[in-house]
Amino acid sequence: MSTATASPPDSPAGRRHVYLCPLRWSDMDAYQHVNNVVYLRYLEEARVDWMFRRASEAGVEGFATFGTVVASHEIAYRRPLVYRPEPVRVEVWVTHVAAAKFTVAYEVCDDDGVYATASSVLVPYNLAGGHLRRLSQMEKDYLAEYYTPAAA
Protein backbone atom coordinates (compact mmCIF):
# COMPACT_ATOMS: atom_id res chain seq x y z
CA MET A 1 0.00 0.00 0.00
CA SER A 2 2.99 2.31 -0.28
CA THR A 3 4.93 3.88 -3.07
CA ALA A 4 8.12 5.87 -3.33
CA THR A 5 8.40 8.95 -5.47
CA ALA A 6 11.42 10.69 -6.90
CA SER A 7 12.06 14.42 -7.05
CA PRO A 8 12.59 16.16 -10.39
CA PRO A 9 16.11 15.62 -11.79
CA ASP A 10 17.08 19.29 -11.37
CA SER A 11 16.04 19.32 -7.71
CA PRO A 12 18.67 18.98 -4.95
CA ALA A 13 16.11 17.02 -2.92
CA GLY A 14 16.30 13.28 -2.57
CA ARG A 15 13.44 10.87 -2.88
CA ARG A 16 10.55 10.70 -0.45
CA HIS A 17 9.03 7.42 0.56
CA VAL A 18 5.24 7.69 0.50
CA TYR A 19 3.17 5.47 2.78
CA LEU A 20 -0.61 5.49 2.55
CA CYS A 21 -1.77 5.00 6.11
CA PRO A 22 -5.35 3.90 6.79
CA LEU A 23 -7.25 5.73 9.51
CA ARG A 24 -9.18 3.79 12.13
CA TRP A 25 -12.31 5.05 13.89
CA SER A 26 -10.56 4.31 17.18
CA ASP A 27 -7.75 6.74 16.25
CA MET A 28 -9.99 9.65 17.24
CA ASP A 29 -10.21 10.97 20.78
CA ALA A 30 -13.01 12.66 22.74
CA TYR A 31 -12.43 15.85 20.73
CA GLN A 32 -13.29 14.01 17.49
CA HIS A 33 -9.87 14.26 15.85
CA VAL A 34 -6.93 11.88 15.58
CA ASN A 35 -5.22 11.72 18.97
CA ASN A 36 -1.69 13.08 19.21
CA VAL A 37 -0.29 9.70 20.35
CA VAL A 38 -1.72 8.01 17.25
CA TYR A 39 0.51 10.17 15.06
CA LEU A 40 3.51 8.30 16.50
CA ARG A 41 1.95 5.07 15.25
CA TYR A 42 1.46 6.58 11.79
CA LEU A 43 5.11 7.66 11.73
CA GLU A 44 6.20 4.22 12.90
CA GLU A 45 4.15 2.45 10.23
CA ALA A 46 5.66 4.65 7.50
CA ARG A 47 9.20 4.32 8.89
CA VAL A 48 8.97 0.53 9.21
CA ASP A 49 7.59 0.25 5.66
CA TRP A 50 10.49 2.38 4.39
CA MET A 51 13.30 0.85 6.48
CA PHE A 52 12.23 -2.79 6.33
CA ARG A 53 10.05 -3.49 3.30
CA ARG A 54 11.43 -0.87 0.89
CA ALA A 55 15.06 -1.21 2.00
CA SER A 56 14.81 -5.00 1.71
CA GLU A 57 13.48 -4.63 -1.85
CA ALA A 58 16.54 -2.45 -2.55
CA GLY A 59 18.83 -5.18 -1.16
CA VAL A 60 19.60 -3.37 2.12
CA GLU A 61 19.15 -5.74 5.05
CA GLY A 62 21.08 -3.91 7.79
CA PHE A 63 18.19 -2.01 9.35
CA ALA A 64 16.14 -5.17 9.88
CA THR A 65 19.01 -7.57 10.56
CA PHE A 66 21.17 -5.53 12.92
CA GLY A 67 18.64 -3.08 14.31
CA THR A 68 17.87 0.59 14.71
CA VAL A 69 16.32 2.35 17.71
CA VAL A 70 14.55 5.68 18.08
CA ALA A 71 16.51 8.21 20.16
CA SER A 72 13.99 11.06 19.93
CA HIS A 73 10.83 12.30 18.21
CA GLU A 74 9.57 15.81 17.55
CA ILE A 75 6.09 16.53 16.18
CA ALA A 76 4.42 19.80 15.18
CA TYR A 77 0.65 19.51 14.76
CA ARG A 78 -0.63 21.81 12.00
CA ARG A 79 -4.37 21.09 11.84
CA PRO A 80 -6.88 18.51 13.06
CA LEU A 81 -7.20 15.22 11.21
CA VAL A 82 -10.53 13.45 11.49
CA TYR A 83 -11.58 9.97 10.53
CA ARG A 84 -12.42 9.34 6.89
CA PRO A 85 -12.26 6.19 4.75
CA GLU A 86 -9.36 7.49 2.63
CA PRO A 87 -5.83 6.94 3.94
CA VAL A 88 -3.59 9.80 4.97
CA ARG A 89 -0.22 10.15 3.22
CA VAL A 90 2.93 9.94 5.33
CA GLU A 91 6.03 11.10 3.46
CA VAL A 92 9.44 10.08 4.80
CA TRP A 93 12.90 11.41 3.92
CA VAL A 94 16.33 11.88 5.52
CA THR A 95 17.67 15.26 6.70
CA HIS A 96 20.93 14.25 8.43
CA VAL A 97 23.32 11.31 8.34
CA ALA A 98 26.30 10.75 10.66
CA ALA A 99 28.42 7.68 11.36
CA ALA A 100 26.15 6.37 14.11
CA LYS A 101 22.83 8.22 13.78
CA PHE A 102 20.51 9.76 11.24
CA THR A 103 17.46 11.99 11.23
CA VAL A 104 14.26 11.19 9.39
CA ALA A 105 11.65 13.86 8.57
CA TYR A 106 7.96 13.26 7.94
CA GLU A 107 4.87 15.02 6.64
CA VAL A 108 1.43 13.66 7.45
CA CYS A 109 -0.68 15.13 4.65
CA ASP A 110 -3.16 14.79 1.84
CA ASP A 111 -4.10 16.91 -1.18
CA ASP A 112 -5.84 19.39 1.14
CA GLY A 113 -2.75 20.17 3.23
CA VAL A 114 -0.36 19.14 5.99
CA TYR A 115 -1.69 17.81 9.30
CA ALA A 116 1.67 17.38 11.02
CA THR A 117 5.40 17.58 10.44
CA ALA A 118 7.79 15.49 12.47
CA SER A 119 11.33 14.20 12.81
CA SER A 120 12.99 11.24 14.48
CA VAL A 121 16.62 10.71 15.39
CA LEU A 122 17.47 7.06 14.78
CA VAL A 123 20.49 5.19 16.08
CA PRO A 124 21.87 1.97 14.57
CA TYR A 125 21.88 -0.71 17.23
CA ASN A 126 23.38 -4.18 17.42
CA LEU A 127 20.46 -6.22 18.76
CA ALA A 128 22.49 -9.37 19.33
CA GLY A 129 25.32 -7.58 21.14
CA GLY A 130 23.16 -5.03 22.94
CA HIS A 131 25.20 -1.98 21.92
CA LEU A 132 25.27 0.92 19.47
CA ARG A 133 26.84 0.36 16.08
CA ARG A 134 27.87 2.41 13.07
CA LEU A 135 25.88 2.57 9.85
CA SER A 136 27.15 0.23 7.13
CA GLN A 137 28.14 1.72 3.78
CA MET A 138 25.12 0.01 2.22
CA GLU A 139 22.82 1.69 4.76
CA LYS A 140 24.48 5.08 4.15
CA ASP A 141 24.02 4.68 0.40
CA TYR A 142 20.33 3.86 0.88
CA LEU A 143 19.84 6.86 3.18
CA ALA A 144 21.61 9.11 0.65
CA GLU A 145 18.88 8.37 -1.93
CA TYR A 146 16.36 9.99 0.44
CA TYR A 147 18.55 12.84 1.67
CA THR A 148 17.27 16.40 1.58
CA PRO A 149 19.05 18.90 3.84
CA ALA A 150 16.91 20.29 6.65
CA ALA A 151 15.65 23.82 6.05
CA ALA A 152 17.73 26.41 7.88
C-alpha atoms as a PDB file:
ATOM      1  CA  MET A   1       0.000   0.000   0.000  1.00  0.00           C
ATOM      2  CA  SER A   2       2.990   2.313  -0.279  1.00  0.00           C
ATOM      3  CA  THR A   3       4.929   3.881  -3.073  1.00  0.00           C
ATOM      4  CA  ALA A   4       8.122   5.868  -3.327  1.00  0.00           C
ATOM      5  CA  THR A   5       8.402   8.951  -5.472  1.00  0.00           C
ATOM      6  CA  ALA A   6      11.419  10.688  -6.901  1.00  0.00           C
ATOM      7  CA  SER A   7      12.056  14.422  -7.045  1.00  0.00           C
ATOM      8  CA  PRO A   8      12.588  16.155 -10.388  1.00  0.00           C
ATOM      9  CA  PRO A   9      16.112  15.620 -11.792  1.00  0.00           C
ATOM     10  CA  ASP A  10      17.076  19.288 -11.366  1.00  0.00           C
ATOM     11  CA  SER A  11      16.041  19.325  -7.709  1.00  0.00           C
ATOM     12  CA  PRO A  12      18.665  18.977  -4.950  1.00  0.00           C
ATOM     13  CA  ALA A  13      16.108  17.024  -2.916  1.00  0.00           C
ATOM     14  CA  GLY A  14      16.304  13.282  -2.570  1.00  0.00           C
ATOM     15  CA  ARG A  15      13.441  10.873  -2.881  1.00  0.00           C
ATOM     16  CA  ARG A  16      10.552  10.697  -0.453  1.00  0.00           C
ATOM     17  CA  HIS A  17       9.026   7.416   0.562  1.00  0.00           C
ATOM     18  CA  VAL A  18       5.245   7.690   0.500  1.00  0.00           C
ATOM     19  CA  TYR A  19       3.174   5.471   2.779  1.00  0.00           C
ATOM     20  CA  LEU A  20      -0.609   5.488   2.545  1.00  0.00           C
ATOM     21  CA  CYS A  21      -1.767   4.997   6.111  1.00  0.00           C
ATOM     22  CA  PRO A  22      -5.347   3.896   6.785  1.00  0.00           C
ATOM     23  CA  LEU A  23      -7.255   5.734   9.506  1.00  0.00           C
ATOM     24  CA  ARG A  24      -9.180   3.794  12.128  1.00  0.00           C
ATOM     25  CA  TRP A  25     -12.306   5.051  13.888  1.00  0.00           C
ATOM     26  CA  SER A  26     -10.562   4.313  17.176  1.00  0.00           C
ATOM     27  CA  ASP A  27      -7.745   6.744  16.253  1.00  0.00           C
ATOM     28  CA  MET A  28      -9.994   9.655  17.244  1.00  0.00           C
ATOM     29  CA  ASP A  29     -10.205  10.969  20.779  1.00  0.00           C
ATOM     30  CA  ALA A  30     -13.011  12.656  22.736  1.00  0.00           C
ATOM     31  CA  TYR A  31     -12.430  15.851  20.728  1.00  0.00           C
ATOM     32  CA  GLN A  32     -13.290  14.008  17.489  1.00  0.00           C
ATOM     33  CA  HIS A  33      -9.866  14.263  15.854  1.00  0.00           C
ATOM     34  CA  VAL A  34      -6.928  11.884  15.584  1.00  0.00           C
ATOM     35  CA  ASN A  35      -5.219  11.719  18.966  1.00  0.00           C
ATOM     36  CA  ASN A  36      -1.688  13.077  19.208  1.00  0.00           C
ATOM     37  CA  VAL A  37      -0.293   9.702  20.353  1.00  0.00           C
ATOM     38  CA  VAL A  38      -1.721   8.009  17.247  1.00  0.00           C
ATOM     39  CA  TYR A  39       0.512  10.175  15.063  1.00  0.00           C
ATOM     40  CA  LEU A  40       3.509   8.299  16.500  1.00  0.00           C
ATOM     41  CA  ARG A  41       1.950   5.073  15.246  1.00  0.00           C
ATOM     42  CA  TYR A  42       1.462   6.578  11.786  1.00  0.00           C
ATOM     43  CA  LEU A  43       5.113   7.661  11.732  1.00  0.00           C
ATOM     44  CA  GLU A  44       6.203   4.224  12.897  1.00  0.00           C
ATOM     45  CA  GLU A  45       4.151   2.453  10.227  1.00  0.00           C
ATOM     46  CA  ALA A  46       5.655   4.647   7.500  1.00  0.00           C
ATOM     47  CA  ARG A  47       9.200   4.321   8.893  1.00  0.00           C
ATOM     48  CA  VAL A  48       8.970   0.532   9.206  1.00  0.00           C
ATOM     49  CA  ASP A  49       7.589   0.250   5.663  1.00  0.00           C
ATOM     50  CA  TRP A  50      10.492   2.377   4.391  1.00  0.00           C
ATOM     51  CA  MET A  51      13.298   0.850   6.478  1.00  0.00           C
ATOM     52  CA  PHE A  52      12.233  -2.792   6.326  1.00  0.00           C
ATOM     53  CA  ARG A  53      10.051  -3.491   3.296  1.00  0.00           C
ATOM     54  CA  ARG A  54      11.429  -0.871   0.885  1.00  0.00           C
ATOM     55  CA  ALA A  55      15.058  -1.209   2.003  1.00  0.00           C
ATOM     56  CA  SER A  56      14.805  -4.999   1.709  1.00  0.00           C
ATOM     57  CA  GLU A  57      13.477  -4.630  -1.854  1.00  0.00           C
ATOM     58  CA  ALA A  58      16.538  -2.452  -2.550  1.00  0.00           C
ATOM     59  CA  GLY A  59      18.833  -5.179  -1.158  1.00  0.00           C
ATOM     60  CA  VAL A  60      19.600  -3.370   2.117  1.00  0.00           C
ATOM     61  CA  GLU A  61      19.148  -5.740   5.054  1.00  0.00           C
ATOM     62  CA  GLY A  62      21.076  -3.909   7.789  1.00  0.00           C
ATOM     63  CA  PHE A  63      18.186  -2.008   9.352  1.00  0.00           C
ATOM     64  CA  ALA A  64      16.145  -5.174   9.875  1.00  0.00           C
ATOM     65  CA  THR A  65      19.014  -7.574  10.556  1.00  0.00           C
ATOM     66  CA  PHE A  66      21.168  -5.534  12.919  1.00  0.00           C
ATOM     67  CA  GLY A  67      18.644  -3.085  14.313  1.00  0.00           C
ATOM     68  CA  THR A  68      17.874   0.592  14.715  1.00  0.00           C
ATOM     69  CA  VAL A  69      16.321   2.354  17.706  1.00  0.00           C
ATOM     70  CA  VAL A  70      14.548   5.685  18.076  1.00  0.00           C
ATOM     71  CA  ALA A  71      16.514   8.207  20.162  1.00  0.00           C
ATOM     72  CA  SER A  72      13.988  11.061  19.925  1.00  0.00           C
ATOM     73  CA  HIS A  73      10.830  12.304  18.215  1.00  0.00           C
ATOM     74  CA  GLU A  74       9.574  15.812  17.547  1.00  0.00           C
ATOM     75  CA  ILE A  75       6.085  16.529  16.177  1.00  0.00           C
ATOM     76  CA  ALA A  76       4.420  19.801  15.179  1.00  0.00           C
ATOM     77  CA  TYR A  77       0.655  19.510  14.760  1.00  0.00           C
ATOM     78  CA  ARG A  78      -0.626  21.809  12.003  1.00  0.00           C
ATOM     79  CA  ARG A  79      -4.371  21.094  11.838  1.00  0.00           C
ATOM     80  CA  PRO A  80      -6.876  18.514  13.061  1.00  0.00           C
ATOM     81  CA  LEU A  81      -7.198  15.217  11.214  1.00  0.00           C
ATOM     82  CA  VAL A  82     -10.533  13.451  11.495  1.00  0.00           C
ATOM     83  CA  TYR A  83     -11.576   9.971  10.530  1.00  0.00           C
ATOM     84  CA  ARG A  84     -12.421   9.337   6.890  1.00  0.00           C
ATOM     85  CA  PRO A  85     -12.261   6.194   4.751  1.00  0.00           C
ATOM     86  CA  GLU A  86      -9.363   7.492   2.628  1.00  0.00           C
ATOM     87  CA  PRO A  87      -5.834   6.942   3.942  1.00  0.00           C
ATOM     88  CA  VAL A  88      -3.587   9.795   4.970  1.00  0.00           C
ATOM     89  CA  ARG A  89      -0.221  10.154   3.218  1.00  0.00           C
ATOM     90  CA  VAL A  90       2.933   9.942   5.328  1.00  0.00           C
ATOM     91  CA  GLU A  91       6.026  11.098   3.455  1.00  0.00           C
ATOM     92  CA  VAL A  92       9.437  10.084   4.796  1.00  0.00           C
ATOM     93  CA  TRP A  93      12.904  11.411   3.923  1.00  0.00           C
ATOM     94  CA  VAL A  94      16.335  11.879   5.521  1.00  0.00           C
ATOM     95  CA  THR A  95      17.672  15.257   6.696  1.00  0.00           C
ATOM     96  CA  HIS A  96      20.927  14.255   8.430  1.00  0.00           C
ATOM     97  CA  VAL A  97      23.324  11.308   8.344  1.00  0.00           C
ATOM     98  CA  ALA A  98      26.297  10.752  10.659  1.00  0.00           C
ATOM     99  CA  ALA A  99      28.418   7.683  11.357  1.00  0.00           C
ATOM    100  CA  ALA A 100      26.153   6.371  14.113  1.00  0.00           C
ATOM    101  CA  LYS A 101      22.835   8.219  13.784  1.00  0.00           C
ATOM    102  CA  PHE A 102      20.513   9.761  11.237  1.00  0.00           C
ATOM    103  CA  THR A 103      17.458  11.987  11.229  1.00  0.00           C
ATOM    104  CA  VAL A 104      14.259  11.188   9.385  1.00  0.00           C
ATOM    105  CA  ALA A 105      11.647  13.857   8.575  1.00  0.00           C
ATOM    106  CA  TYR A 106       7.957  13.263   7.936  1.00  0.00           C
ATOM    107  CA  GLU A 107       4.871  15.015   6.642  1.00  0.00           C
ATOM    108  CA  VAL A 108       1.427  13.661   7.447  1.00  0.00           C
ATOM    109  CA  CYS A 109      -0.679  15.130   4.655  1.00  0.00           C
ATOM    110  CA  ASP A 110      -3.160  14.794   1.838  1.00  0.00           C
ATOM    111  CA  ASP A 111      -4.099  16.906  -1.175  1.00  0.00           C
ATOM    112  CA  ASP A 112      -5.842  19.392   1.136  1.00  0.00           C
ATOM    113  CA  GLY A 113      -2.751  20.170   3.226  1.00  0.00           C
ATOM    114  CA  VAL A 114      -0.364  19.137   5.987  1.00  0.00           C
ATOM    115  CA  TYR A 115      -1.694  17.808   9.298  1.00  0.00           C
ATOM    116  CA  ALA A 116       1.665  17.385  11.024  1.00  0.00           C
ATOM    117  CA  THR A 117       5.396  17.576  10.440  1.00  0.00           C
ATOM    118  CA  ALA A 118       7.794  15.494  12.467  1.00  0.00           C
ATOM    119  CA  SER A 119      11.332  14.200  12.806  1.00  0.00           C
ATOM    120  CA  SER A 120      12.989  11.240  14.483  1.00  0.00           C
ATOM    121  CA  VAL A 121      16.621  10.714  15.390  1.00  0.00           C
ATOM    122  CA  LEU A 122      17.468   7.059  14.782  1.00  0.00           C
ATOM    123  CA  VAL A 123      20.492   5.194  16.076  1.00  0.00           C
ATOM    124  CA  PRO A 124      21.868   1.971  14.568  1.00  0.00           C
ATOM    125  CA  TYR A 125      21.885  -0.714  17.234  1.00  0.00           C
ATOM    126  CA  ASN A 126      23.378  -4.184  17.420  1.00  0.00           C
ATOM    127  CA  LEU A 127      20.460  -6.216  18.757  1.00  0.00           C
ATOM    128  CA  ALA A 128      22.492  -9.372  19.327  1.00  0.00           C
ATOM    129  CA  GLY A 129      25.316  -7.582  21.138  1.00  0.00           C
ATOM    130  CA  GLY A 130      23.161  -5.030  22.941  1.00  0.00           C
ATOM    131  CA  HIS A 131      25.202  -1.980  21.916  1.00  0.00           C
ATOM    132  CA  LEU A 132      25.266   0.917  19.475  1.00  0.00           C
ATOM    133  CA  ARG A 133      26.842   0.359  16.075  1.00  0.00           C
ATOM    134  CA  ARG A 134      27.872   2.407  13.069  1.00  0.00           C
ATOM    135  CA  LEU A 135      25.879   2.566   9.847  1.00  0.00           C
ATOM    136  CA  SER A 136      27.152   0.232   7.131  1.00  0.00           C
ATOM    137  CA  GLN A 137      28.140   1.721   3.779  1.00  0.00           C
ATOM    138  CA  MET A 138      25.123   0.013   2.222  1.00  0.00           C
ATOM    139  CA  GLU A 139      22.821   1.691   4.757  1.00  0.00           C
ATOM    140  CA  LYS A 140      24.480   5.081   4.153  1.00  0.00           C
ATOM    141  CA  ASP A 141      24.024   4.678   0.399  1.00  0.00           C
ATOM    142  CA  TYR A 142      20.330   3.860   0.881  1.00  0.00           C
ATOM    143  CA  LEU A 143      19.836   6.864   3.178  1.00  0.00           C
ATOM    144  CA  ALA A 144      21.614   9.115   0.649  1.00  0.00           C
ATOM    145  CA  GLU A 145      18.885   8.371  -1.926  1.00  0.00           C
ATOM    146  CA  TYR A 146      16.363   9.991   0.442  1.00  0.00           C
ATOM    147  CA  TYR A 147      18.550  12.838   1.667  1.00  0.00           C
ATOM    148  CA  THR A 148      17.267  16.405   1.576  1.00  0.00           C
ATOM    149  CA  PRO A 149      19.045  18.903   3.836  1.00  0.00           C
ATOM    150  CA  ALA A 150      16.915  20.295   6.653  1.00  0.00           C
ATOM    151  CA  ALA A 151      15.651  23.820   6.051  1.00  0.00           C
ATOM    152  CA  ALA A 152      17.734  26.406   7.883  1.00  0.00           C
END
